[in-house]
């Protein structure tokens, strides 16, 4: 598996380049944290009080977070396929034996869709999902939130990976 390039945004880039660049860097680090990890380890629960907090579960969660914010909250598309909008708490962390490579491929497809949505809209444009205050957030706000969301979970992946096999590091 070829890992995505881990590149910081240009220091002199405009606001869009900065926001998308930092988000893409964090997304690439998800792959870095999953590199050469077997399916058994990716699904291994290491925290007794958080059994769904696995590498595989985090990748699946991140896929659905992308869908939630860009497809549903921003564009107002149906929330139906997203387990985050269902009745079962943390359903988006449940992977039930799905191979890590398949989860990463789904995450990549969703990130590519999120980037298409971002490229087609102004940073000032507001979300269109009724019923939630955050469903009216600007694309700028959503990008900032997504940087925070993905970076926080990359930190979780870093800790899980260190517990699994001792691998650690930002790059």
Protein backbone atom coordinates (compact mmCIF):
# COMPACT_ATOMS: atom_id res chain seq x y z
CA UNK A 1 0.00 0.00 0.00
CA UNK A 2 1.38 3.39 -0.98
CA UNK A 3 0.96 5.97 1.73
CA UNK A 4 -0.35 9.43 0.84
CA UNK A 5 2.27 12.15 0.97
CA UNK A 6 2.38 13.99 4.29
CA UNK A 7 2.80 17.65 3.38
CA UNK A 8 2.11 20.81 5.36
CA UNK A 9 0.27 23.57 3.52
CA UNK A 10 2.35 26.35 1.99
CA UNK A 11 3.28 28.97 4.59
CA UNK A 12 2.23 31.73 2.19
CA UNK A 13 -0.97 30.10 0.91
CA UNK A 14 -4.37 31.74 1.03
CA UNK A 15 -6.98 30.81 3.63
CA UNK A 16 -8.51 27.99 1.57
CA UNK A 17 -5.09 26.47 0.86
CA UNK A 18 -4.27 26.64 4.59
CA UNK A 19 -7.52 25.05 5.77
CA UNK A 20 -7.65 22.31 3.14
CA UNK A 21 -3.90 21.73 3.45
CA UNK A 22 -3.99 21.19 7.21
CA UNK A 23 -7.01 18.91 6.89
CA UNK A 24 -5.37 16.87 4.13
CA UNK A 25 -2.22 16.53 6.26
CA UNK A 26 -4.23 15.12 9.16
CA UNK A 27 -6.09 12.78 6.80
CA UNK A 28 -2.78 11.47 5.45
CA UNK A 29 -1.60 10.82 9.01
CA UNK A 30 -4.54 8.45 9.49
CA UNK A 31 -2.96 6.26 6.82
CA UNK A 32 0.48 6.63 8.38
CA UNK A 33 -0.86 5.41 11.73
CA UNK A 34 -2.47 2.39 10.03
CA UNK A 35 0.52 1.41 7.87
CA UNK A 36 1.47 -2.27 8.00
CA UNK A 37 -1.10 -3.02 10.69
CA UNK A 38 -2.92 -6.33 10.44
CA UNK A 39 -6.68 -6.65 10.64
CA UNK A 40 -6.59 -8.44 14.01
CA UNK A 41 -4.55 -5.66 15.60
CA UNK A 42 -6.65 -2.98 13.91
CA UNK A 43 -9.76 -4.43 15.56
CA UNK A 44 -8.15 -5.15 18.94
CA UNK A 45 -9.79 -3.33 21.85
CA UNK A 46 -7.05 -2.00 24.13
CA UNK A 47 -9.05 0.22 26.47
CA UNK A 48 -11.34 -1.78 28.78
CA UNK A 49 -13.67 1.17 29.32
CA UNK A 50 -13.86 1.99 25.59
CA UNK A 51 -14.11 -1.32 23.72
CA UNK A 52 -15.10 0.34 20.42
CA UNK A 53 -12.01 2.60 20.46
CA UNK A 54 -9.95 0.56 18.01
CA UNK A 55 -7.87 1.60 15.02
CA UNK A 56 -10.50 0.15 12.68
CA UNK A 57 -13.32 1.78 14.64
CA UNK A 58 -11.63 5.18 14.48
CA UNK A 59 -11.11 4.94 10.72
CA UNK A 60 -14.78 4.07 10.25
CA UNK A 61 -15.82 6.90 12.57
CA UNK A 62 -13.69 9.38 10.61
CA UNK A 63 -15.31 8.29 7.36
CA UNK A 64 -18.77 8.97 8.75
CA UNK A 65 -17.70 12.27 10.34
CA UNK A 66 -16.62 13.45 6.87
CA UNK A 67 -20.01 12.40 5.49
CA UNK A 68 -21.85 14.07 8.37
CA UNK A 69 -20.22 17.46 8.02
CA UNK A 70 -19.77 17.84 4.27
CA UNK A 71 -22.62 15.83 2.76
CA UNK A 72 -25.30 16.17 5.42
CA UNK A 73 -24.66 19.34 7.42
CA UNK A 74 -23.22 21.44 4.61
CA UNK A 75 -25.07 20.22 1.51
CA UNK A 76 -28.25 19.07 3.27
CA UNK A 77 -28.12 15.59 1.74
CA UNK A 78 -30.07 12.78 3.45
CA UNK A 79 -28.58 11.58 6.74
CA UNK A 80 -30.10 8.10 6.41
CA UNK A 81 -27.00 6.13 5.41
CA UNK A 82 -24.91 7.63 8.23
CA UNK A 83 -24.97 5.55 11.45
CA UNK A 84 -24.26 8.70 13.49
CA UNK A 85 -27.86 9.76 12.91
CA UNK A 86 -29.32 6.45 14.11
CA UNK A 87 -30.48 5.40 17.55
CA UNK A 88 -27.46 3.25 18.46
CA UNK A 89 -24.75 5.17 20.30
CA UNK A 90 -21.30 4.95 18.68
CA UNK A 91 -22.63 2.82 15.80
CA UNK A 92 -20.08 4.43 13.49
CA UNK A 93 -17.28 2.80 15.53
CA UNK A 94 -18.66 -0.70 14.89
CA UNK A 95 -16.80 -2.45 12.08
CA UNK A 96 -17.76 -6.11 12.55
CA UNK A 97 -14.79 -7.69 10.80
CA UNK A 98 -14.45 -5.26 7.89
CA UNK A 99 -10.78 -5.35 6.76
CA UNK A 100 -8.74 -2.26 7.55
CA UNK A 101 -7.84 -1.81 3.86
CA UNK A 102 -11.55 -1.64 2.99
CA UNK A 103 -12.19 0.89 5.78
CA UNK A 104 -9.30 3.06 4.60
CA UNK A 105 -10.54 2.89 1.00
CA UNK A 106 -14.00 4.03 2.15
CA UNK A 107 -12.41 6.84 4.13
CA UNK A 108 -10.42 7.92 1.06
CA UNK A 109 -13.54 7.95 -1.13
CA UNK A 110 -15.40 10.05 1.43
CA UNK A 111 -12.45 12.47 1.81
CA UNK A 112 -12.32 12.87 -1.97
CA UNK A 113 -16.06 13.68 -1.98
CA UNK A 114 -15.54 16.16 0.87
CA UNK A 115 -12.77 17.84 -1.14
CA UNK A 116 -15.04 18.07 -4.20
CA UNK A 117 -17.73 19.68 -2.07
CA UNK A 118 -15.20 22.10 -0.57
CA UNK A 119 -13.75 23.07 -3.94
CA UNK A 120 -17.19 23.95 -5.30
CA UNK A 121 -18.21 26.29 -2.48
CA UNK A 122 -17.20 29.61 -0.98
CA UNK A 123 -15.79 29.55 2.55
CA UNK A 124 -18.64 31.89 3.61
CA UNK A 125 -21.35 29.56 2.30
CA UNK A 126 -23.61 28.23 5.03
CA UNK A 127 -24.76 24.68 5.64
CA UNK A 128 -28.25 23.58 4.66
CA UNK A 129 -29.20 20.93 7.21
CA UNK A 130 -32.29 21.92 9.20
CA UNK A 131 -32.81 21.02 12.79
CA UNK A 132 -29.28 21.54 14.09
CA UNK A 133 -27.65 24.89 14.81
CA UNK A 134 -24.39 23.50 13.44
CA UNK A 135 -26.26 22.61 10.26
CA UNK A 136 -26.03 26.31 9.43
CA UNK A 137 -22.26 26.54 9.96
CA UNK A 138 -20.09 28.11 7.28
CA UNK A 139 -17.77 25.97 5.21
CA UNK A 140 -14.90 27.85 6.91
CA UNK A 141 -16.18 26.73 10.32
CA UNK A 142 -16.65 23.14 9.11
CA UNK A 143 -13.09 22.98 7.77
CA UNK A 144 -11.71 24.32 11.06
CA UNK A 145 -13.78 21.81 13.00
CA UNK A 146 -12.67 18.95 10.76
CA UNK A 147 -9.00 19.81 11.29
CA UNK A 148 -9.63 19.58 15.04
CA UNK A 149 -11.69 16.40 14.74
CA UNK A 150 -9.24 14.48 12.57
CA UNK A 151 -6.16 15.71 14.50
CA UNK A 152 -7.72 14.61 17.81
CA UNK A 153 -8.37 11.15 16.44
CA UNK A 154 -4.89 10.94 14.89
CA UNK A 155 -3.70 11.40 18.47
CA UNK A 156 -5.89 8.49 19.53
CA UNK A 157 -4.49 6.41 16.66
CA UNK A 158 -0.97 7.32 17.75
CA UNK A 159 -1.62 6.06 21.28
CA UNK A 160 -3.34 2.89 20.09
CA UNK A 161 -0.53 2.14 17.66
CA UNK A 162 2.08 2.61 20.38
CA UNK A 163 0.16 0.22 22.64
CA UNK A 164 -0.15 -2.32 19.82
CA UNK A 165 3.42 -2.48 18.57
CA UNK A 166 5.43 0.44 19.88
CA UNK A 167 5.29 2.48 16.68
CA UNK A 168 4.90 6.18 17.28
CA UNK A 169 5.68 9.54 15.75
CA UNK A 170 4.10 12.34 13.80
CA UNK A 171 5.99 11.63 10.58
